[in-house]
């Protein structure tokens, strides 16, 4: 067809135009003013569009949308005038695949791929909508699966995913119509319950206590659930979320499993905890940790055999705080590596002071938590630090017995690494953990420290005496030096001297832990007054 040529002037061109329109992938329909169908091309007939021309709805893409034969079409309608007749032209473009892709993107943005539940973004939108209602009253629930990381680590991620799907199905059964359930993280679910029914919340916890059978494994779990009420406990999403989290945290700290309703005093407790965390982080940054050294005494010669470095945190008022005031928090926050390194640096820097106070043969014991003791990289850094001290043979690394018994690399790789540089190894608090004869027979430690719980009032406790003699004999047979911890009275010491072969003790009877800017005890104890418990005194000399 040439430019300027009219179709009705050329039958051949009109026939070509009709064929082109008929072959177009877009549907084309023409109707008269009464709605009677005048023309429909092949694409329109194939899709059944002629029956749905008027069934259109507004489209976010511009124009209207029409559903026909299970597909979606974008339609644009234009008026036509032909021989003074008012006609309507409708053109339809198939956008089914585009809509499907957009719907998938929207779903991915608002729904969890694994469980099909709404995600946090959509849940927050639903909560925001609920907050606008004048009569709104609902429960904001945070549900955390207890021990999910262990399930993932032990059984593998694939089974862990299956577990989450099954857990979400159980939660769905408790959630009612009008409630909103979402998955907010790996093992965390959020719920908006339109009625604050605490019995139903308890049912959520119960639903997850029953064992899960997956791939032939019987898996036990539980859920820690925190609840905040609108409007009592918050007027916006973030406040409700925080307060529900606080309630859930209380359940976690109490031992996991169950539900709790938020209480205002928990907010105050959390504020105190945040301040404690800030103080701890500042103490690490400003190196406010010091070592207090408690002597280990040879009761046969009355001489100091060695010292144990005990951590103290010095606050802004100069007051020294024992490990119970900050070690649990440091462990929870993952800060024990930094704290332990600071203590080791203090201990190695104190070698000269210890030598001056107690002699060059006095050993220096440092405590390493069991979790760190199993970390090959961390213990490698400990070995490097002790070796750089110039006197690694003076040091004894004390670890609790679970470091040996647990299936880790401490016994097979870390003990040899320490011994290679001359560092000895001690089992601390023996008798309070996973004590077993079979486990002890495989341990190649140099020292065995009997926990103070066996020593306290040992002279009055026949059963403890039997256990102590067994530990003493076993330690001697395995070539371990046995040390009694927590000796605090003359009677306890007298029993050890008269009824056991234990030669080394540690405890307040001889000396409390001391810092080297305080008076140090004499290397040899003072004489005793017959007939009464002697009083231990410290010498006036300073080691620094």
Protein backbone atom coordinates (compact mmCIF):
# COMPACT_ATOMS: atom_id res chain seq x y z
CA UNK A 1 0.00 0.00 0.00
CA UNK A 2 1.44 3.33 -0.96
CA UNK A 3 1.30 6.48 1.14
CA UNK A 4 -1.94 8.39 0.74
CA UNK A 5 -3.84 5.41 -0.72
CA UNK A 6 -7.24 4.78 0.90
CA UNK A 7 -8.10 1.14 1.68
CA UNK A 8 -11.60 1.43 0.22
CA UNK A 9 -10.05 2.66 -3.04
CA UNK A 10 -8.07 -0.51 -3.47
CA UNK A 11 -9.71 -3.87 -3.01
CA UNK A 12 -6.35 -5.61 -3.07
CA UNK A 13 -4.94 -3.40 -0.32
CA UNK A 14 -8.12 -3.83 1.74
CA UNK A 15 -7.77 -7.59 1.51
CA UNK A 16 -4.12 -7.36 2.66
CA UNK A 17 -5.07 -5.13 5.57
CA UNK A 18 -7.82 -7.53 6.66
CA UNK A 19 -5.34 -10.43 6.54
CA UNK A 20 -2.81 -8.49 8.63
CA UNK A 21 -5.41 -7.63 11.27
CA UNK A 22 -6.57 -11.22 11.38
CA UNK A 23 -3.01 -12.49 11.93
CA UNK A 24 -2.18 -9.98 14.67
CA UNK A 25 -1.42 -11.59 18.09
CA UNK A 26 -3.51 -8.82 19.68
CA UNK A 27 -7.27 -9.30 19.68
CA UNK A 28 -9.30 -6.73 17.73
CA UNK A 29 -13.08 -6.36 18.13
CA UNK A 30 -15.50 -3.81 16.63
CA UNK A 31 -19.07 -3.34 17.91
CA UNK A 32 -21.91 -1.00 16.91
CA UNK A 33 -23.73 1.40 19.19
CA UNK A 34 -26.14 -1.35 20.24
CA UNK A 35 -23.28 -3.67 21.24
CA UNK A 36 -23.71 -5.98 18.28
CA UNK A 37 -20.47 -7.62 17.14
CA UNK A 38 -19.36 -6.37 13.71
CA UNK A 39 -15.81 -7.70 13.58
CA UNK A 40 -13.44 -9.91 15.55
CA UNK A 41 -10.05 -11.10 14.35
CA UNK A 42 -8.71 -14.62 14.82
CA UNK A 43 -6.87 -13.82 18.08
CA UNK A 44 -10.10 -12.46 19.59
CA UNK A 45 -12.06 -15.57 18.55
CA UNK A 46 -9.38 -17.95 19.90
CA UNK A 47 -9.45 -16.31 23.30
CA UNK A 48 -13.23 -15.95 23.51
CA UNK A 49 -12.84 -12.19 23.95
CA UNK A 50 -16.03 -11.36 22.08
CA UNK A 51 -18.03 -12.52 25.11
CA UNK A 52 -16.01 -10.48 27.62
CA UNK A 53 -15.54 -7.11 25.96
CA UNK A 54 -17.62 -5.37 28.63
CA UNK A 55 -16.21 -7.33 31.62
CA UNK A 56 -13.25 -5.05 32.12
CA UNK A 57 -11.70 -3.59 35.26
CA UNK A 58 -9.16 -0.82 35.69
CA UNK A 59 -5.54 -1.91 35.25
CA UNK A 60 -2.55 -0.54 37.18
CA UNK A 61 -0.75 -0.61 33.83
CA UNK A 62 -3.15 1.98 32.35
CA UNK A 63 -6.32 1.09 30.44
CA UNK A 64 -8.48 -1.83 31.54
CA UNK A 65 -8.02 -5.55 32.12
CA UNK A 66 -10.23 -8.38 30.85
CA UNK A 67 -10.18 -12.02 31.95
CA UNK A 68 -11.00 -14.56 29.24
CA UNK A 69 -10.24 -18.27 28.81
CA UNK A 70 -8.02 -18.25 31.89
CA UNK A 71 -5.80 -15.46 30.59
CA UNK A 72 -5.50 -11.75 31.29
CA UNK A 73 -5.67 -9.07 28.58
CA UNK A 74 -4.91 -5.38 28.66
CA UNK A 75 -7.55 -3.60 26.60
CA UNK A 76 -7.82 -0.15 25.12
CA UNK A 77 -11.17 0.99 23.71
CA UNK A 78 -11.60 3.80 21.21
CA UNK A 79 -14.76 5.25 19.60
CA UNK A 80 -15.08 5.15 15.79
CA UNK A 81 -17.50 6.92 13.43
CA UNK A 82 -18.18 5.16 10.16
CA UNK A 83 -20.87 6.34 7.70
CA UNK A 84 -22.39 8.34 10.55
CA UNK A 85 -22.55 5.24 12.70
CA UNK A 86 -21.00 5.27 16.21
CA UNK A 87 -18.77 2.23 16.59
CA UNK A 88 -16.35 1.06 19.29
CA UNK A 89 -12.92 -0.44 18.65
CA UNK A 90 -11.36 -2.67 21.33
CA UNK A 91 -7.77 -3.90 21.13
CA UNK A 92 -6.62 -6.66 23.53
CA UNK A 93 -2.98 -7.47 24.41
CA UNK A 94 -2.25 -10.73 26.27
CA UNK A 95 -0.38 -9.81 29.47
CA UNK A 96 -0.83 -13.14 31.29
CA UNK A 97 2.90 -13.92 31.62
CA UNK A 98 3.71 -10.37 32.63
CA UNK A 99 1.00 -10.49 35.31
CA UNK A 100 2.27 -13.85 36.52
CA UNK A 101 5.80 -12.49 36.83
CA UNK A 102 4.53 -9.41 38.67
CA UNK A 103 2.45 -11.56 41.00
CA UNK A 104 5.51 -13.70 41.73
CA UNK A 105 7.56 -10.60 42.52
CA UNK A 106 4.81 -9.30 44.80
CA UNK A 107 4.58 -12.70 46.50
CA UNK A 108 8.31 -12.89 47.02
CA UNK A 109 8.26 -9.42 48.49
CA UNK A 110 5.45 -10.25 50.91
CA UNK A 111 5.50 -14.01 51.52
CA UNK A 112 7.97 -16.55 52.84
CA UNK A 113 9.14 -18.99 50.17
CA UNK A 114 9.48 -21.96 52.54
CA UNK A 115 6.23 -21.85 54.52
CA UNK A 116 4.06 -19.69 52.27
CA UNK A 117 3.26 -17.46 55.24
CA UNK A 118 3.28 -13.64 55.09
CA UNK A 119 6.69 -12.18 55.85
CA UNK A 120 7.56 -9.42 58.29
CA UNK A 121 6.88 -6.67 55.72
CA UNK A 122 3.32 -7.81 55.02
CA UNK A 123 2.72 -8.53 58.70
CA UNK A 124 3.75 -4.98 59.58
CA UNK A 125 1.33 -3.64 56.97
CA UNK A 126 -1.51 -5.72 58.44
CA UNK A 127 -0.72 -4.48 61.92
CA UNK A 128 -0.60 -0.88 60.66
CA UNK A 129 -4.08 -1.35 59.17
CA UNK A 130 -5.36 -2.76 62.46
CA UNK A 131 -3.92 0.19 64.39
CA UNK A 132 -6.08 2.62 62.38
CA UNK A 133 -9.31 1.03 63.60
CA UNK A 134 -10.89 2.90 66.47
CA UNK A 135 -12.11 -0.31 68.10
CA UNK A 136 -8.83 -2.19 67.64
CA UNK A 137 -7.78 -4.56 70.41
CA UNK A 138 -5.41 -7.41 69.68
CA UNK A 139 -2.44 -9.43 70.94
CA UNK A 140 0.98 -9.06 69.32
CA UNK A 141 2.81 -12.38 69.67
CA UNK A 142 6.46 -13.30 69.08
CA UNK A 143 7.09 -17.06 68.91
CA UNK A 144 10.64 -18.42 68.81
CA UNK A 145 11.45 -22.10 68.22
CA UNK A 146 13.79 -23.33 70.96
CA UNK A 147 16.92 -25.16 69.89
CA UNK A 148 16.35 -24.81 66.15
CA UNK A 149 20.05 -24.17 65.46
CA UNK A 150 20.91 -27.49 67.08
CA UNK A 151 18.29 -29.23 64.92
CA UNK A 152 19.80 -27.64 61.81
CA UNK A 153 23.36 -28.47 62.85
CA UNK A 154 22.62 -32.06 63.85
CA UNK A 155 20.16 -33.20 61.19
CA UNK A 156 21.07 -30.88 58.31
CA UNK A 157 19.41 -27.91 56.70
CA UNK A 158 17.03 -29.91 54.52
CA UNK A 159 15.46 -31.62 57.50
CA UNK A 160 15.54 -28.31 59.37
CA UNK A 161 13.45 -26.76 56.60
CA UNK A 162 10.99 -29.66 56.80
CA UNK A 163 10.76 -29.11 60.53
CA UNK A 164 9.88 -25.43 60.04
CA UNK A 165 7.16 -26.30 57.53
CA UNK A 166 5.62 -28.80 59.95
CA UNK A 167 5.90 -26.33 62.82
CA UNK A 168 4.14 -23.63 60.79
CA UNK A 169 1.34 -26.08 59.97
CA UNK A 170 0.81 -26.79 63.68
CA UNK A 171 0.72 -23.08 64.47
CA UNK A 172 -1.81 -22.52 61.66
CA UNK A 173 -4.21 -24.95 63.31
CA UNK A 174 -4.34 -22.77 66.41
CA UNK A 175 -4.59 -19.45 64.54
CA UNK A 176 -8.19 -18.46 63.86
CA UNK A 177 -10.03 -16.53 61.17
CA UNK A 178 -9.08 -12.88 61.19
CA UNK A 179 -5.71 -13.56 62.87
CA UNK A 180 -2.44 -12.97 61.01
CA UNK A 181 0.51 -15.39 61.14
CA UNK A 182 3.89 -14.54 59.61
CA UNK A 183 7.39 -15.96 59.52
CA UNK A 184 9.83 -13.22 60.49
CA UNK A 185 13.12 -15.10 60.52
CA UNK A 186 14.76 -18.51 60.54
CA UNK A 187 12.93 -19.79 63.62
CA UNK A 188 10.77 -16.81 64.57
CA UNK A 189 7.07 -16.34 63.88
CA UNK A 190 4.87 -13.28 64.46
CA UNK A 191 1.15 -13.40 65.16
CA UNK A 192 -1.59 -10.82 65.48
CA UNK A 193 -4.47 -12.39 67.39
CA UNK A 194 -7.64 -10.32 67.23
CA UNK A 195 -8.63 -11.63 70.67
CA UNK A 196 -6.09 -11.69 73.49
CA UNK A 197 -7.02 -15.24 74.48
CA UNK A 198 -4.20 -16.47 76.72
CA UNK A 199 -5.56 -20.04 76.62
CA UNK A 200 -5.07 -20.01 72.86
CA UNK A 201 -1.54 -18.67 73.31
CA UNK A 202 -0.78 -21.52 75.72
CA UNK A 203 -2.15 -23.87 73.06
CA UNK A 204 0.50 -22.52 70.67
CA UNK A 205 3.21 -23.59 73.09
CA UNK A 206 1.61 -26.99 73.59
CA UNK A 207 1.31 -27.54 69.83
CA UNK A 208 5.09 -27.47 69.47
CA UNK A 209 5.92 -29.72 72.45
CA UNK A 210 4.71 -32.90 70.78
CA UNK A 211 7.53 -34.72 68.95
CA UNK A 212 8.00 -34.24 65.21
CA UNK A 213 8.58 -37.37 63.13
CA UNK A 214 10.75 -36.44 60.13
CA UNK A 215 12.68 -38.87 57.92
CA UNK A 216 12.43 -41.51 60.63
CA UNK A 217 13.79 -39.19 63.35
CA UNK A 218 11.80 -38.24 66.44
CA UNK A 219 12.60 -34.59 67.09
CA UNK A 220 11.57 -32.81 70.28
CA UNK A 221 11.27 -29.06 70.49
CA UNK A 222 9.41 -26.27 72.24
CA UNK A 223 8.57 -22.61 71.72
CA UNK A 224 9.22 -19.49 73.79
CA UNK A 225 6.34 -17.06 73.31
CA UNK A 226 6.09 -13.39 74.28
CA UNK A 227 2.84 -11.43 74.19
CA UNK A 228 2.15 -7.68 74.14
CA UNK A 229 -1.39 -6.25 74.09
CA UNK A 230 -2.64 -3.31 72.07
CA UNK A 231 -3.23 -0.66 73.32
CA UNK A 232 -2.01 -1.47 76.87
CA UNK A 233 1.59 -2.30 75.94
CA UNK A 234 2.19 -0.09 72.93
CA UNK A 235 0.53 2.08 70.31
CA UNK A 236 2.77 1.27 67.33
CA UNK A 237 4.38 -1.74 65.69
CA UNK A 238 7.92 -1.26 67.00
CA UNK A 239 6.85 -0.75 70.62
CA UNK A 240 4.59 -3.80 70.54
CA UNK A 241 7.37 -5.84 68.91
CA UNK A 242 9.96 -4.80 71.50
CA UNK A 243 7.68 -5.54 74.43
CA UNK A 244 6.65 -8.92 73.04
CA UNK A 245 10.37 -9.65 72.51
CA UNK A 246 11.06 -8.74 76.13
CA UNK A 247 8.39 -11.16 77.30
CA UNK A 248 9.77 -13.88 75.03
CA UNK A 249 13.28 -13.23 76.37
CA UNK A 250 12.05 -13.81 79.91
CA UNK A 251 10.80 -17.25 78.90
CA UNK A 252 14.13 -18.01 77.18
CA UNK A 253 16.13 -17.02 80.25
CA UNK A 254 13.84 -19.08 82.48
CA UNK A 255 14.70 -22.23 80.57
CA UNK A 256 12.76 -22.11 77.29
CA UNK A 257 9.27 -23.33 76.58
CA UNK A 258 6.04 -21.52 77.48
CA UNK A 259 4.37 -18.14 77.13
CA UNK A 260 4.55 -14.86 79.03
CA UNK A 261 2.58 -11.62 78.93
CA UNK A 262 4.71 -8.46 78.97
CA UNK A 263 5.20 -6.71 82.30
CA UNK A 264 6.49 -3.15 82.66
CA UNK A 265 9.21 -4.08 85.14
CA UNK A 266 10.87 -6.17 82.42
CA UNK A 267 11.46 -2.99 80.45
CA UNK A 268 13.25 -1.54 83.47
CA UNK A 269 15.29 -4.73 83.84
CA UNK A 270 16.24 -4.61 80.17
CA UNK A 271 17.30 -0.97 80.55
CA UNK A 272 19.60 -2.02 83.37
CA UNK A 273 20.94 -4.85 81.21
CA UNK A 274 21.65 -2.47 78.31
CA UNK A 275 23.58 -0.22 80.69
CA UNK A 276 25.49 -3.24 82.01
CA UNK A 277 26.34 -4.25 78.44
CA UNK A 278 27.59 -0.74 77.67
CA UNK A 279 29.73 -0.75 80.82
CA UNK A 280 31.18 -4.14 79.90
CA UNK A 281 32.05 -3.07 76.36
CA UNK A 282 33.69 0.11 77.69
CA UNK A 283 35.62 -1.95 80.25
CA UNK A 284 37.01 -4.10 77.42
CA UNK A 285 37.82 -1.04 75.33
CA UNK A 286 39.51 0.74 78.27
CA UNK A 287 41.22 -2.46 79.50
CA UNK A 288 39.73 -2.23 82.99
CA UNK A 289 40.29 -5.92 83.79
CA UNK A 290 42.88 -6.91 86.34
CA UNK A 291 44.22 -10.15 87.73
CA UNK A 292 43.90 -11.10 91.37
CA UNK A 293 46.25 -13.97 92.23
CA UNK A 294 45.34 -16.66 94.76
CA UNK A 295 48.20 -18.80 96.07
CA UNK A 296 48.31 -22.59 95.90
CA UNK A 297 50.13 -23.79 99.01
CA UNK A 298 52.23 -26.87 99.68
CA UNK A 299 50.87 -27.90 103.09
CA UNK A 300 53.96 -29.98 103.81
CA UNK A 301 56.43 -27.09 103.47
CA UNK A 302 54.04 -24.16 103.93
CA UNK A 303 55.42 -22.61 100.74
CA UNK A 304 53.51 -21.16 97.80
CA UNK A 305 53.54 -23.73 95.02
CA UNK A 306 51.84 -21.49 92.45
CA UNK A 307 49.12 -18.91 91.93
CA UNK A 308 45.85 -18.84 90.05
CA UNK A 309 44.98 -15.70 88.06
CA UNK A 310 41.39 -14.68 88.77
CA UNK A 311 39.71 -11.95 86.75
CA UNK A 312 38.46 -8.74 88.35
CA UNK A 313 36.72 -5.78 86.70
CA UNK A 314 37.64 -2.40 88.18
CA UNK A 315 34.71 0.03 87.89
CA UNK A 316 34.81 3.81 87.65
CA UNK A 317 34.83 4.07 91.45
CA UNK A 318 37.84 1.79 91.72
CA UNK A 319 35.81 -1.11 93.13
CA UNK A 320 36.85 -4.61 92.05
CA UNK A 321 34.06 -6.94 90.84
CA UNK A 322 34.42 -10.71 90.70
CA UNK A 323 33.69 -12.82 87.60
CA UNK A 324 30.08 -13.52 88.60
CA UNK A 325 29.26 -9.86 87.98
CA UNK A 326 30.21 -9.88 84.29
CA UNK A 327 31.29 -13.30 82.94
CA UNK A 328 27.70 -14.54 82.25
CA UNK A 329 26.95 -11.36 80.30
CA UNK A 330 30.27 -11.49 78.45
CA UNK A 331 29.54 -15.10 77.50
CA UNK A 332 26.04 -14.26 76.30
CA UNK A 333 27.35 -11.36 74.19
CA UNK A 334 30.20 -13.38 72.70
CA UNK A 335 32.86 -11.19 74.35
CA UNK A 336 34.75 -13.85 76.27
CA UNK A 337 37.55 -14.04 73.70
CA UNK A 338 38.41 -10.39 74.36
CA UNK A 339 38.09 -10.75 78.15
CA UNK A 340 40.23 -13.90 78.23
CA UNK A 341 42.96 -12.28 76.12
CA UNK A 342 43.05 -9.27 78.44
CA UNK A 343 43.45 -11.53 81.47
CA UNK A 344 46.19 -13.54 79.78
CA UNK A 345 48.03 -10.33 78.93
CA UNK A 346 47.73 -9.21 82.58
CA UNK A 347 48.98 -12.58 83.81
CA UNK A 348 52.00 -12.63 81.51
CA UNK A 349 52.82 -9.04 82.44
CA UNK A 350 52.82 -10.07 86.11
CA UNK A 351 55.54 -12.74 85.84
CA UNK A 352 58.22 -10.58 87.46
CA UNK A 353 55.92 -9.53 90.31
CA UNK A 354 54.93 -13.15 90.95
CA UNK A 355 58.58 -14.18 90.92
CA UNK A 356 59.47 -11.46 93.42
CA UNK A 357 56.61 -12.42 95.72
CA UNK A 358 56.71 -16.21 95.52
CA UNK A 359 59.89 -17.26 93.74
CA UNK A 360 60.84 -18.29 90.22
CA UNK A 361 59.33 -21.77 90.56
CA UNK A 362 55.78 -20.58 91.31
CA UNK A 363 53.41 -21.64 88.54
CA UNK A 364 50.78 -19.32 87.10
CA UNK A 365 47.37 -20.86 86.37
CA UNK A 366 44.98 -19.21 83.92
CA UNK A 367 41.37 -20.26 83.36
CA UNK A 368 40.00 -20.91 79.85
CA UNK A 369 36.22 -21.52 79.40
CA UNK A 370 35.42 -24.92 77.88
CA UNK A 371 33.88 -23.42 74.74
CA UNK A 372 37.04 -21.43 74.02
CA UNK A 373 39.25 -24.36 74.95
CA UNK A 374 37.69 -26.34 72.08
CA UNK A 375 38.42 -23.57 69.55
CA UNK A 376 41.67 -24.46 67.81
CA UNK A 377 42.24 -20.96 66.42
CA UNK A 378 41.62 -19.29 69.77
CA UNK A 379 43.85 -21.72 71.65
CA UNK A 380 46.50 -21.17 69.01
CA UNK A 381 46.45 -17.47 69.91
CA UNK A 382 46.66 -18.40 73.62
CA UNK A 383 49.72 -20.58 72.97
CA UNK A 384 51.36 -17.77 70.99
CA UNK A 385 50.75 -15.27 73.78
CA UNK A 386 52.11 -17.59 76.48
CA UNK A 387 55.16 -18.45 74.37
CA UNK A 388 55.90 -14.75 73.83
CA UNK A 389 55.93 -14.27 77.61
CA UNK A 390 59.38 -15.88 77.62
CA UNK A 391 58.34 -18.29 80.39
CA UNK A 392 55.62 -20.57 78.98
CA UNK A 393 56.80 -23.39 81.29
CA UNK A 394 55.53 -21.34 84.25
CA UNK A 395 51.94 -21.49 83.01
CA UNK A 396 49.13 -23.95 83.67
CA UNK A 397 45.95 -23.77 81.58
CA UNK A 398 42.92 -24.67 83.71
CA UNK A 399 39.81 -25.96 81.93
CA UNK A 400 36.72 -27.67 83.29
CA UNK A 401 36.36 -31.40 82.66
CA UNK A 402 33.67 -30.99 79.97
CA UNK A 403 36.39 -29.58 77.70
CA UNK A 404 37.98 -33.04 77.75
CA UNK A 405 34.84 -35.17 77.71
CA UNK A 406 33.09 -33.30 74.88
CA UNK A 407 33.82 -34.62 71.41
CA UNK A 408 36.20 -31.89 70.32
CA UNK A 409 39.84 -31.30 69.50
CA UNK A 410 41.05 -30.24 72.94
CA UNK A 411 42.51 -33.59 73.99
CA UNK A 412 43.81 -34.64 70.56
CA UNK A 413 45.19 -31.36 69.19
CA UNK A 414 45.22 -28.57 71.75
CA UNK A 415 46.84 -30.39 74.70
CA UNK A 416 49.81 -31.49 72.53
CA UNK A 417 50.14 -27.94 71.19
CA UNK A 418 50.33 -26.53 74.74
CA UNK A 419 52.74 -29.18 75.94
CA UNK A 420 55.03 -28.56 73.00
CA UNK A 421 55.81 -25.09 74.41
CA UNK A 422 55.97 -26.32 78.02
CA UNK A 423 52.50 -25.26 79.22
CA UNK A 424 50.78 -27.69 81.58
CA UNK A 425 47.07 -28.52 81.73
CA UNK A 426 44.79 -28.72 84.77
CA UNK A 427 41.24 -30.07 85.18
CA UNK A 428 39.35 -27.42 87.15
CA UNK A 429 36.28 -27.94 89.40
CA UNK A 430 36.59 -31.72 89.10
CA UNK A 431 33.49 -33.57 90.23
CA UNK A 432 30.90 -30.98 89.18
CA UNK A 433 30.60 -31.76 85.48
CA UNK A 434 30.69 -34.93 83.41
CA UNK A 435 32.95 -36.92 85.75
CA UNK A 436 33.35 -40.54 84.77
CA UNK A 437 36.11 -43.07 85.32
CA UNK A 438 36.21 -44.03 81.64
CA UNK A 439 36.53 -40.39 80.58
CA UNK A 440 39.17 -39.61 83.20
CA UNK A 441 41.25 -42.61 82.10
CA UNK A 442 41.66 -41.02 78.66
CA UNK A 443 42.65 -37.57 79.95
CA UNK A 444 46.32 -36.63 79.94
CA UNK A 445 46.16 -33.58 82.22
CA UNK A 446 48.91 -32.62 84.69
CA UNK A 447 46.71 -31.40 87.54
CA UNK A 448 43.34 -32.35 88.96
CA UNK A 449 41.65 -29.72 91.11
CA UNK A 450 38.98 -31.15 93.41
CA UNK A 451 35.99 -28.83 93.52
CA UNK A 452 35.38 -26.99 96.78
CA UNK A 453 31.95 -28.64 97.14
CA UNK A 454 33.82 -31.83 98.20
CA UNK A 455 36.17 -29.97 100.55
CA UNK A 456 33.69 -27.81 102.47
CA UNK A 457 33.32 -29.39 105.95
CA UNK A 458 35.05 -32.53 104.68
CA UNK A 459 35.84 -33.51 108.29
CA UNK A 460 32.08 -33.82 108.97
CA UNK A 461 31.03 -35.65 105.79
CA UNK A 462 32.00 -39.34 105.59
CA UNK A 463 30.59 -39.85 102.09
CA UNK A 464 32.58 -36.91 100.71
CA UNK A 465 35.65 -38.39 102.40
CA UNK A 466 35.16 -41.65 100.49
CA UNK A 467 34.79 -39.78 97.17
CA UNK A 468 37.82 -37.63 97.91
CA UNK A 469 40.02 -40.65 98.66
CA UNK A 470 38.89 -42.25 95.38
CA UNK A 471 39.72 -39.11 93.41
CA UNK A 472 43.07 -38.84 95.20
CA UNK A 473 44.01 -42.44 94.40
CA UNK A 474 42.90 -42.19 90.80
CA UNK A 475 44.76 -38.91 90.26
CA UNK A 476 47.94 -40.40 91.74
CA UNK A 477 47.62 -43.54 89.59
CA UNK A 478 47.26 -41.40 86.44
CA UNK A 479 50.20 -39.18 87.37
CA UNK A 480 48.18 -36.05 88.10
CA UNK A 481 48.94 -33.61 90.90
CA UNK A 482 45.79 -33.35 93.06
CA UNK A 483 44.89 -29.91 94.46
CA UNK A 484 42.08 -29.29 96.95
CA UNK A 485 40.15 -26.08 96.23
CA UNK A 486 38.21 -23.98 98.71
CA UNK A 487 40.02 -24.77 101.96
CA UNK A 488 38.63 -22.20 104.38
CA UNK A 489 38.95 -23.66 107.87
CA UNK A 490 41.60 -25.17 110.10
CA UNK A 491 39.48 -28.30 110.49
CA UNK A 492 39.35 -28.85 106.72
CA UNK A 493 43.10 -28.42 106.47
CA UNK A 494 43.69 -30.73 109.44
CA UNK A 495 41.62 -33.48 107.83
CA UNK A 496 43.54 -33.19 104.55
CA UNK A 497 46.85 -33.40 106.41
CA UNK A 498 45.90 -36.31 108.63
CA UNK A 499 43.68 -38.43 106.40
CA UNK A 500 44.85 -37.89 102.80
CA UNK A 501 48.05 -37.67 100.81
CA UNK A 502 46.89 -34.44 99.12
CA UNK A 503 49.79 -32.03 99.33
CA UNK A 504 48.54 -28.87 97.63
CA UNK A 505 45.58 -26.70 98.62
CA UNK A 506 44.05 -23.39 97.64
CA UNK A 507 41.55 -21.31 99.59
CA UNK A 508 40.76 -18.41 101.88
CA UNK A 509 42.36 -20.18 104.84
CA UNK A 510 45.75 -19.34 103.39
CA UNK A 511 45.02 -16.23 101.35
CA UNK A 512 42.33 -14.43 99.47
CA UNK A 513 43.07 -13.43 95.87
CA UNK A 514 45.34 -10.38 95.87
CA UNK A 515 46.44 -7.79 93.38
CA UNK A 516 50.05 -6.75 93.22
CA UNK A 517 49.40 -3.18 94.24
CA UNK A 518 48.11 -4.63 97.53
CA UNK A 519 50.23 -6.30 100.25
CA UNK A 520 51.30 -9.83 99.31
CA UNK A 521 51.46 -12.86 101.65
CA UNK A 522 54.84 -14.17 102.72
CA UNK A 523 56.30 -17.06 100.78
CA UNK A 524 56.42 -19.10 104.00
CA UNK A 525 53.50 -18.85 106.43
CA UNK A 526 53.93 -17.61 109.99
CA UNK A 527 54.08 -20.02 112.93
CA UNK A 528 50.87 -21.21 114.51
CA UNK A 529 49.64 -20.84 118.02
CA UNK A 530 48.83 -24.28 119.45
CA UNK A 531 45.23 -25.02 120.28
CA UNK A 532 43.48 -22.50 118.01
CA UNK A 533 43.07 -21.80 114.32
CA UNK A 534 45.87 -19.50 113.20
CA UNK A 535 45.07 -16.20 111.50
CA UNK A 536 46.64 -15.70 108.08
CA UNK A 537 48.19 -12.32 107.64
CA UNK A 538 49.75 -10.57 104.66
CA UNK A 539 53.21 -9.07 104.58
CA UNK A 540 53.74 -5.34 104.13
CA UNK A 541 55.96 -5.61 101.05
CA UNK A 542 54.64 -4.63 97.64
CA UNK A 543 55.35 -6.51 94.48
CA UNK A 544 54.92 -3.51 92.24
